[in-house]
Amino acid sequence: MKKDLANLKYTSREIKKKSKRIYRQILAESENFDCGNFKAIGTDDLANLFELYDRHFFNRFFHRNYRKKISFRLSRRMTRAAGRIAYMKHDGAYTISLSTALISQTFHDVEREVTVNGIVCHDRLEATMRVLEHEIIHLLEWVLFGETSCSKPRFRSLSRNIFGHTDVTHQLVTQAERAHKKFNLRVGDEAVFEHDGKTYRGVISRITKRATVMVRDSDGHFRDFHGNMYSKYYVPLQHLSRSKGGYESN
């Protein structure tokens, strides 16, 4: 059976038919998915989606052989990787994680074409499915070959043959892109914000769920190459505005 999986290949028509069937079925069965641009997702939804893929693409191979060895989690802390798989060698268990941060902010307030694995996605459910497909190929490589890498030809061949992927990257909307498009903010910009009734000015050093802003502060714990001291603040994007002025120290 493992040898058969390594050589598994579907036509583009078969892939589209199976994918549409999964899309319709998960919408019908999930309590969270009221439409393609769902507002909420749970780990049960992810587990059920995986079971549908296992049934329609792999003839329930994972259910028969790894039923209690595969778990799922959702992460708001994953702001760059759309998905991830972890293998616990001591018990042979796998955990597939998906980024709710990236999925939830895509098809929200930034309008552009979204592709995942080279495939155009039209809503969050399609994007979620494409991300999960990528992680399923990682899982498949683990169980077949004991290692996995999406940068190598074998992974690309499996993902193309099974799911029709033409790429191994995602173009989901990142928080940095959203910050620029919606708030006109980028890493390196000087920004102003209010904290405890006081106005602060600093430089944006990182953008994830919030912006990390470094504010000049003689009592701060962070030093730059010129010996200047800074304090670090985590500020919601909507509470920041660009500034052309200098710094305000504590």
Protein backbone atom coordinates (compact mmCIF):
# COMPACT_ATOMS: atom_id res chain seq x y z
CA MET A 1 0.00 0.00 0.00
CA LYS A 2 2.83 2.43 0.82
CA LYS A 3 4.39 1.76 -2.56
CA ASP A 4 1.06 2.52 -4.21
CA LEU A 5 0.84 5.83 -2.33
CA ALA A 6 4.32 6.85 -3.48
CA ASN A 7 3.13 6.42 -7.06
CA LEU A 8 -0.33 7.90 -6.57
CA LYS A 9 -1.40 10.21 -9.38
CA TYR A 10 -4.71 11.83 -10.31
CA THR A 11 -5.75 13.67 -13.43
CA SER A 12 -6.61 17.36 -13.12
CA ARG A 13 -10.26 16.48 -13.66
CA GLU A 14 -10.19 13.93 -10.84
CA ILE A 15 -8.50 16.41 -8.50
CA LYS A 16 -11.10 19.10 -9.19
CA LYS A 17 -13.96 16.65 -8.73
CA LYS A 18 -12.62 15.33 -5.41
CA SER A 19 -11.81 18.83 -4.14
CA LYS A 20 -15.28 20.15 -4.95
CA ARG A 21 -16.84 17.18 -3.19
CA ILE A 22 -14.79 17.84 -0.07
CA TYR A 23 -15.61 21.56 -0.21
CA ARG A 24 -19.36 20.92 -0.40
CA GLN A 25 -19.31 18.22 2.25
CA ILE A 26 -17.38 20.16 4.88
CA LEU A 27 -19.71 23.14 4.36
CA ALA A 28 -22.70 20.87 4.90
CA GLU A 29 -21.29 19.17 8.00
CA SER A 30 -19.44 21.93 9.88
CA GLU A 31 -21.20 24.07 12.46
CA ASN A 32 -18.63 26.85 11.94
CA PHE A 33 -18.50 26.93 8.17
CA ASP A 34 -21.63 28.79 7.11
CA CYS A 35 -19.97 29.91 3.87
CA GLY A 36 -16.65 29.81 2.06
CA ASN A 37 -15.46 32.92 3.89
CA PHE A 38 -16.19 31.46 7.31
CA LYS A 39 -15.73 33.59 10.42
CA ALA A 40 -14.63 30.78 12.75
CA ILE A 41 -12.79 27.47 12.56
CA GLY A 42 -12.14 24.79 15.17
CA THR A 43 -9.74 21.89 15.44
CA ASP A 44 -12.70 19.57 14.85
CA ASP A 45 -13.23 21.25 11.48
CA LEU A 46 -9.61 20.62 10.61
CA ALA A 47 -9.81 17.00 11.73
CA ASN A 48 -13.00 16.45 9.73
CA LEU A 49 -11.46 18.09 6.67
CA PHE A 50 -8.47 15.80 6.96
CA GLU A 51 -10.75 12.75 7.19
CA LEU A 52 -12.48 13.79 3.98
CA TYR A 53 -9.13 14.07 2.22
CA ASP A 54 -8.11 10.69 3.61
CA ARG A 55 -11.31 9.17 2.28
CA HIS A 56 -11.38 10.73 -1.17
CA PHE A 57 -7.67 10.83 -2.00
CA PHE A 58 -6.03 8.07 0.06
CA ASN A 59 -8.72 5.38 0.45
CA ARG A 60 -8.64 5.89 4.27
CA PHE A 61 -4.97 4.89 4.54
CA PHE A 62 -4.30 7.28 7.42
CA HIS A 63 -7.46 6.22 9.27
CA ARG A 64 -6.48 2.57 9.10
CA ASN A 65 -2.84 3.01 10.02
CA TYR A 66 -2.45 6.27 11.98
CA ARG A 67 -5.89 6.94 13.44
CA LYS A 68 -4.66 7.89 16.94
CA LYS A 69 -1.31 9.25 15.81
CA ILE A 70 -2.46 12.43 14.03
CA SER A 71 -3.72 15.50 15.87
CA PHE A 72 -4.54 19.04 14.84
CA ARG A 73 -4.09 22.52 16.25
CA LEU A 74 -4.79 26.09 15.22
CA SER A 75 -2.32 28.87 15.91
CA ARG A 76 -2.64 32.65 15.99
CA ARG A 77 1.10 32.92 16.65
CA MET A 78 2.07 31.60 13.22
CA THR A 79 2.29 34.82 11.22
CA ARG A 80 4.51 33.69 8.32
CA ALA A 81 4.06 29.95 7.88
CA ALA A 82 0.51 29.04 6.86
CA GLY A 83 0.89 25.46 8.06
CA ARG A 84 3.30 23.26 9.93
CA ILE A 85 3.71 19.60 10.83
CA ALA A 86 5.53 18.27 13.87
CA TYR A 87 6.68 14.69 14.36
CA MET A 88 7.19 13.34 17.89
CA LYS A 89 9.74 10.59 17.48
CA HIS A 90 9.25 9.07 20.95
CA ASP A 91 5.64 8.06 20.25
CA GLY A 92 5.42 8.30 16.47
CA ALA A 93 2.72 10.99 16.63
CA TYR A 94 2.15 13.87 14.21
CA THR A 95 0.59 17.28 14.81
CA ILE A 96 -0.63 19.38 11.91
CA SER A 97 -1.00 23.10 12.66
CA LEU A 98 -2.64 25.82 10.59
CA SER A 99 -2.30 29.57 11.01
CA THR A 100 -5.61 31.17 11.87
CA ALA A 101 -3.84 34.54 11.83
CA LEU A 102 -3.05 34.29 8.11
CA ILE A 103 -6.29 32.57 7.14
CA SER A 104 -8.58 34.99 9.00
CA GLN A 105 -7.00 38.15 7.58
CA THR A 106 -7.10 36.86 4.01
CA PHE A 107 -10.28 37.76 2.08
CA HIS A 108 -10.91 40.42 4.71
CA ASP A 109 -9.84 44.01 4.04
CA VAL A 110 -7.08 43.57 1.45
CA GLU A 111 -8.40 42.87 -2.04
CA ARG A 112 -6.09 41.01 -4.42
CA GLU A 113 -5.69 37.61 -6.02
CA VAL A 114 -4.71 34.93 -3.52
CA THR A 115 -2.77 31.84 -4.53
CA VAL A 116 -1.68 28.89 -2.41
CA ASN A 117 0.63 26.25 -3.88
CA GLY A 118 0.20 27.94 -7.26
CA ILE A 119 -3.60 27.57 -7.21
CA VAL A 120 -5.91 30.59 -7.16
CA CYS A 121 -8.20 30.55 -4.12
CA HIS A 122 -11.55 32.32 -4.02
CA ASP A 123 -12.34 32.19 -0.30
CA ARG A 124 -10.94 31.15 3.09
CA LEU A 125 -12.15 27.58 2.82
CA GLU A 126 -10.34 27.03 -0.46
CA ALA A 127 -7.19 28.60 1.02
CA THR A 128 -7.49 26.39 4.11
CA MET A 129 -7.85 23.31 1.93
CA ARG A 130 -4.77 24.18 -0.12
CA VAL A 131 -2.71 24.75 3.05
CA LEU A 132 -3.89 21.46 4.52
CA GLU A 133 -3.03 19.67 1.28
CA HIS A 134 0.54 20.92 1.58
CA GLU A 135 0.79 19.57 5.13
CA ILE A 136 -0.73 16.25 4.05
CA ILE A 137 2.12 15.83 1.56
CA HIS A 138 4.57 16.49 4.40
CA LEU A 139 2.77 13.81 6.42
CA LEU A 140 2.85 11.43 3.49
CA GLU A 141 6.60 11.88 3.09
CA TRP A 142 7.12 11.27 6.79
CA VAL A 143 5.25 7.97 6.82
CA LEU A 144 6.67 6.77 3.49
CA PHE A 145 10.26 7.93 3.69
CA GLY A 146 10.95 9.04 7.27
CA GLU A 147 11.78 12.61 6.23
CA THR A 148 10.20 15.51 4.39
CA SER A 149 11.24 18.71 2.63
CA CYS A 150 9.08 20.85 0.37
CA SER A 151 12.18 22.25 -1.31
CA LYS A 152 13.10 18.89 -2.82
CA PRO A 153 11.86 17.34 -6.10
CA ARG A 154 10.11 14.39 -4.45
CA PHE A 155 7.77 16.64 -2.46
CA ARG A 156 6.98 18.75 -5.50
CA SER A 157 6.27 15.64 -7.55
CA LEU A 158 3.91 14.19 -4.92
CA SER A 159 2.04 17.46 -4.45
CA ARG A 160 1.67 17.89 -8.21
CA ASN A 161 0.55 14.32 -8.84
CA ILE A 162 -1.91 14.12 -5.95
CA PHE A 163 -3.27 17.66 -5.60
CA GLY A 164 -2.23 19.43 -8.80
CA HIS A 165 0.00 21.93 -6.99
CA THR A 166 2.39 23.90 -9.18
CA ASP A 167 4.21 25.65 -6.32
CA VAL A 168 4.98 25.07 -2.63
CA THR A 169 4.45 28.60 -1.30
CA HIS A 170 1.44 30.67 -0.23
CA GLN A 171 0.46 34.25 -0.97
CA LEU A 172 -1.95 34.67 1.91
CA VAL A 173 -2.29 38.20 3.25
CA THR A 174 0.36 38.78 5.90
CA GLN A 175 -0.01 41.24 8.73
CA ALA A 176 2.83 43.33 7.29
CA GLU A 177 0.98 43.61 3.97
CA ARG A 178 -2.26 44.44 5.74
CA ALA A 179 -0.48 47.09 7.84
CA HIS A 180 0.81 48.76 4.70
CA LYS A 181 -2.41 48.52 2.67
CA LYS A 182 -4.83 49.51 5.43
CA PHE A 183 -2.77 51.67 7.78
CA ASN A 184 0.13 52.81 5.54
CA LEU A 185 2.63 51.40 8.03
CA ARG A 186 5.84 49.50 7.35
CA VAL A 187 8.80 48.20 9.30
CA GLY A 188 11.23 51.11 9.71
CA ASP A 189 8.52 53.78 9.81
CA GLU A 190 8.41 56.29 12.65
CA ALA A 191 5.05 56.05 14.39
CA VAL A 192 3.05 57.70 17.15
CA PHE A 193 0.82 56.03 19.71
CA GLU A 194 -0.86 56.72 23.04
CA HIS A 195 -0.05 54.72 26.17
CA ASP A 196 -1.33 55.47 29.69
CA GLY A 197 -2.37 58.94 28.64
CA LYS A 198 1.00 59.84 27.14
CA THR A 199 2.09 60.17 23.52
CA TYR A 200 5.08 58.12 22.39
CA ARG A 201 7.09 58.18 19.19
CA GLY A 202 9.25 55.33 18.02
CA VAL A 203 10.32 53.14 15.13
CA ILE A 204 8.40 50.06 14.00
CA SER A 205 10.84 47.14 14.18
CA ARG A 206 8.46 44.28 13.50
CA ILE A 207 4.86 43.65 12.45
CA THR A 208 3.01 40.47 13.43
CA LYS A 209 -0.39 40.50 15.14
CA ARG A 210 0.74 43.81 16.60
CA ALA A 211 3.54 46.22 15.77
CA THR A 212 6.71 46.16 17.83
CA VAL A 213 7.73 49.79 18.38
CA MET A 214 11.11 50.81 19.80
CA VAL A 215 10.89 54.08 21.75
CA ARG A 216 13.99 56.04 22.80
CA ASP A 217 14.26 55.71 26.58
CA SER A 218 17.35 56.38 28.71
CA ASP A 219 16.08 53.76 31.19
CA GLY A 220 15.26 51.21 28.51
CA HIS A 221 16.68 47.70 28.25
CA PHE A 222 17.59 47.72 24.55
CA ARG A 223 20.67 49.39 23.06
CA ASP A 224 21.43 50.14 19.40
CA PHE A 225 24.85 50.23 17.74
CA HIS A 226 25.20 53.92 18.61
CA GLY A 227 24.60 53.39 22.30
CA ASN A 228 21.04 54.74 22.34
CA MET A 229 18.68 53.02 24.77
CA TYR A 230 15.12 51.96 23.94
CA SER A 231 12.00 50.47 25.47
CA LYS A 232 9.87 48.04 23.50
CA TYR A 233 6.10 48.41 23.07
CA TYR A 234 3.59 46.09 21.40
CA VAL A 235 0.93 48.23 19.80
CA PRO A 236 -2.22 47.22 17.86
CA LEU A 237 -1.97 48.55 14.31
CA GLN A 238 -5.14 50.59 14.58
CA HIS A 239 -3.60 52.53 17.48
CA LEU A 240 -0.59 53.65 15.44
CA SER A 241 -0.14 56.54 13.05
CA ARG A 242 2.89 57.55 11.02
CA SER A 243 5.06 60.35 12.31
CA LYS A 244 7.61 62.62 10.70
CA GLY A 245 8.78 63.91 14.04
CA GLY A 246 11.56 62.71 16.32
CA TYR A 247 11.45 60.52 19.38
CA GLU A 248 9.88 61.25 22.71
CA SER A 249 11.76 59.82 25.64
CA ASN A 250 10.34 58.55 28.90
